[in-house]
C-alpha atoms as a PDB file:
ATOM      1  CA  MET A   1     115.204  98.890 112.077  1.00  0.00           C
ATOM      2  CA  LEU A   2     111.907  99.838 110.428  1.00  0.00           C
ATOM      3  CA  ARG A   3     113.000 103.482 110.255  1.00  0.00           C
ATOM      4  CA  CYS A   4     116.354 102.446 108.734  1.00  0.00           C
ATOM      5  CA  GLY A   5     114.479 100.563 106.038  1.00  0.00           C
ATOM      6  CA  GLN A   6     112.320 103.598 105.366  1.00  0.00           C
ATOM      7  CA  MET A   7     115.387 105.829 105.055  1.00  0.00           C
ATOM      8  CA  MET A   8     117.130 103.494 102.620  1.00  0.00           C
ATOM      9  CA  LEU A   9     114.039 103.192 100.465  1.00  0.00           C
ATOM     10  CA  ALA A  10     113.433 106.957 100.547  1.00  0.00           C
ATOM     11  CA  GLN A  11     117.000 107.544  99.348  1.00  0.00           C
ATOM     12  CA  ALA A  12     116.488 105.039  96.522  1.00  0.00           C
ATOM     13  CA  LEU A  13     113.286 106.833  95.494  1.00  0.00           C
ATOM     14  CA  ILE A  14     115.030 110.205  95.556  1.00  0.00           C
ATOM     15  CA  CYS A  15     117.781 108.840  93.305  1.00  0.00           C
ATOM     16  CA  ARG A  16     115.186 107.319  90.978  1.00  0.00           C
ATOM     17  CA  HIS A  17     112.904 110.361  90.675  1.00  0.00           C
ATOM     18  CA  LEU A  18     115.250 113.294  91.298  1.00  0.00           C
ATOM     19  CA  GLY A  19     118.687 111.935  90.396  1.00  0.00           C
ATOM     20  CA  ARG A  20     121.754 111.045  92.426  1.00  0.00           C
ATOM     21  CA  ASP A  21     123.014 114.626  92.473  1.00  0.00           C
ATOM     22  CA  TRP A  22     119.800 116.151  93.836  1.00  0.00           C
ATOM     23  CA  GLN A  23     120.098 117.837  97.233  1.00  0.00           C
ATOM     24  CA  TRP A  24     117.544 119.485  99.455  1.00  0.00           C
ATOM     25  CA  GLU A  25     118.185 123.222  99.676  1.00  0.00           C
ATOM     26  CA  LYS A  26     116.835 125.525 102.344  1.00  0.00           C
ATOM     27  CA  HIS A  27     114.650 128.394 101.073  1.00  0.00           C
ATOM     28  CA  LYS A  28     114.189 126.722  97.692  1.00  0.00           C
ATOM     29  CA  LYS A  29     110.915 125.324  96.376  1.00  0.00           C
ATOM     30  CA  GLN A  30     111.248 121.554  96.226  1.00  0.00           C
ATOM     31  CA  PRO A  31     109.993 119.551  93.229  1.00  0.00           C
ATOM     32  CA  GLU A  32     106.583 117.890  93.455  1.00  0.00           C
ATOM     33  CA  GLU A  33     108.280 114.471  93.208  1.00  0.00           C
ATOM     34  CA  TYR A  34     110.074 115.194  96.483  1.00  0.00           C
ATOM     35  CA  HIS A  35     106.803 115.947  98.260  1.00  0.00           C
ATOM     36  CA  ARG A  36     105.211 112.865  96.752  1.00  0.00           C
ATOM     37  CA  ILE A  37     108.080 110.710  98.041  1.00  0.00           C
ATOM     38  CA  LEU A  38     107.659 112.206 101.524  1.00  0.00           C
ATOM     39  CA  ARG A  39     103.940 111.434 101.487  1.00  0.00           C
ATOM     40  CA  CYS A  40     104.738 107.745 100.921  1.00  0.00           C
ATOM     41  CA  PHE A  41     106.343 107.656 104.386  1.00  0.00           C
ATOM     42  CA  LEU A  42     103.905 109.694 106.481  1.00  0.00           C
ATOM     43  CA  ASP A  43     102.893 107.965 109.703  1.00  0.00           C
ATOM     44  CA  ARG A  44      99.375 107.311 108.484  1.00  0.00           C
ATOM     45  CA  LYS A  45      97.817 103.923 107.806  1.00  0.00           C
ATOM     46  CA  ALA A  46      96.967 104.839 104.214  1.00  0.00           C
ATOM     47  CA  CYS A  47     100.551 105.757 103.253  1.00  0.00           C
ATOM     48  CA  CYS A  48     102.346 103.083 101.277  1.00  0.00           C
ATOM     49  CA  TYR A  49     105.546 102.859 103.358  1.00  0.00           C
ATOM     50  CA  SER A  50     104.254 104.153 106.688  1.00  0.00           C
ATOM     51  CA  ILE A  51     105.414 102.578 109.923  1.00  0.00           C
ATOM     52  CA  HIS A  52     101.833 101.303 110.265  1.00  0.00           C
ATOM     53  CA  GLN A  53     101.943  99.472 106.936  1.00  0.00           C
ATOM     54  CA  MET A  54     105.348  98.005 107.739  1.00  0.00           C
ATOM     55  CA  ALA A  55     104.213  96.797 111.156  1.00  0.00           C
ATOM     56  CA  GLN A  56     101.096  95.194 109.672  1.00  0.00           C
ATOM     57  CA  VAL A  57     103.146  93.268 107.127  1.00  0.00           C
ATOM     58  CA  CYS A  58     105.467  92.178 109.950  1.00  0.00           C
ATOM     59  CA  VAL A  59     102.432  90.812 111.804  1.00  0.00           C
ATOM     60  CA  GLY A  60     101.621  88.860 108.645  1.00  0.00           C
ATOM     61  CA  GLU A  61     105.169  87.476 108.805  1.00  0.00           C
ATOM     62  CA  GLY A  62     104.543  86.181 112.327  1.00  0.00           C
ATOM     63  CA  LYS A  63     106.248  89.025 114.195  1.00  0.00           C
ATOM     64  CA  SER A  64     104.484  90.864 116.988  1.00  0.00           C
ATOM     65  CA  ILE A  65     104.315  94.647 116.995  1.00  0.00           C
ATOM     66  CA  GLY A  66     107.049  95.836 119.329  1.00  0.00           C
ATOM     67  CA  GLU A  67     109.205  92.793 118.652  1.00  0.00           C
ATOM     68  CA  TRP A  68     112.687  93.405 117.254  1.00  0.00           C
ATOM     69  CA  PHE A  69     112.883  93.194 113.469  1.00  0.00           C
ATOM     70  CA  GLY A  70     116.144  92.297 111.780  1.00  0.00           C
ATOM     71  CA  PRO A  71     117.420  93.672 108.472  1.00  0.00           C
ATOM     72  CA  ASN A  72     116.154  90.681 106.489  1.00  0.00           C
ATOM     73  CA  THR A  73     112.634  91.026 107.919  1.00  0.00           C
ATOM     74  CA  VAL A  74     112.563  94.720 107.023  1.00  0.00           C
ATOM     75  CA  ALA A  75     113.848  93.989 103.507  1.00  0.00           C
ATOM     76  CA  GLN A  76     111.158  91.340 103.012  1.00  0.00           C
ATOM     77  CA  VAL A  77     108.496  93.771 104.274  1.00  0.00           C
ATOM     78  CA  LEU A  78     109.613  96.499 101.852  1.00  0.00           C
ATOM     79  CA  LYS A  79     109.624  93.955  99.037  1.00  0.00           C
ATOM     80  CA  LYS A  80     105.977  93.113  99.774  1.00  0.00           C
ATOM     81  CA  LEU A  81     104.884  96.731 100.154  1.00  0.00           C
ATOM     82  CA  ALA A  82     106.557  97.694  96.870  1.00  0.00           C
ATOM     83  CA  LEU A  83     104.136  95.389  95.042  1.00  0.00           C
ATOM     84  CA  PHE A  84     101.313  97.793  95.938  1.00  0.00           C
ATOM     85  CA  ASP A  85     103.190 100.978  95.012  1.00  0.00           C
ATOM     86  CA  GLU A  86     102.002 101.838  91.507  1.00  0.00           C
ATOM     87  CA  TRP A  87     103.581 105.291  91.314  1.00  0.00           C
ATOM     88  CA  ASN A  88     107.170 104.194  91.850  1.00  0.00           C
ATOM     89  CA  SER A  89     106.928 100.953  89.834  1.00  0.00           C
ATOM     90  CA  LEU A  90     109.597  99.599  92.129  1.00  0.00           C
ATOM     91  CA  ALA A  91     110.863  96.047  92.358  1.00  0.00           C
ATOM     92  CA  VAL A  92     112.743  95.155  95.530  1.00  0.00           C
ATOM     93  CA  TYR A  93     115.184  92.262  95.327  1.00  0.00           C
ATOM     94  CA  VAL A  94     116.442  90.692  98.550  1.00  0.00           C
ATOM     95  CA  SER A  95     119.534  88.552  98.116  1.00  0.00           C
ATOM     96  CA  MET A  96     119.924  85.561 100.347  1.00  0.00           C
ATOM     97  CA  GLY A  97     123.287  84.316 101.603  1.00  0.00           C
ATOM     98  CA  ASN A  98     125.148  87.262 100.025  1.00  0.00           C
ATOM     99  CA  THR A  99     124.334  85.875  96.586  1.00  0.00           C
ATOM    100  CA  VAL A 100     122.774  87.913  93.806  1.00  0.00           C
ATOM    101  CA  VAL A 101     121.093  85.821  91.115  1.00  0.00           C
ATOM    102  CA  ILE A 102     120.898  87.866  87.909  1.00  0.00           C
ATOM    103  CA  GLU A 103     118.007  85.775  86.532  1.00  0.00           C
ATOM    104  CA  ASP A 104     115.948  86.538  89.645  1.00  0.00           C
ATOM    105  CA  ILE A 105     116.556  90.263  89.149  1.00  0.00           C
ATOM    106  CA  ARG A 106     115.472  90.088  85.503  1.00  0.00           C
ATOM    107  CA  LYS A 107     112.197  88.426  86.516  1.00  0.00           C
END
C-alpha cells in the first residue's frame, strides 16, 4: 500500500511539473524535473517520500512497521509528508466519507 501511495503521488508530481502529456522515452535525455521527482522517492531516510519517511509517519500514527496500512492511512501519511516538501508546494486533501468539501480545499 505504501508503494501504491508513492506511485500515485509520483504521477501527480509528473503531471504538475512535466504536464499530463509527458512520457518517458528510451534513449532520450530526461528533464531535470523528472530526476528531481525520482530523488523524492529514493529509499533513503533523507528523501521526502521515501519508504522510510512513510513508515516513520505511520509509527507516529500508532501503526507498527510491518503492519498492514490501508489506503486512508497512506493518504494521511502523504498529506503530512507534503507539509515538509518545499519544492513541490503540494497540498494533499483527503476526503472523508466520499465527500469533498470545497472550503476545505481552498484552505
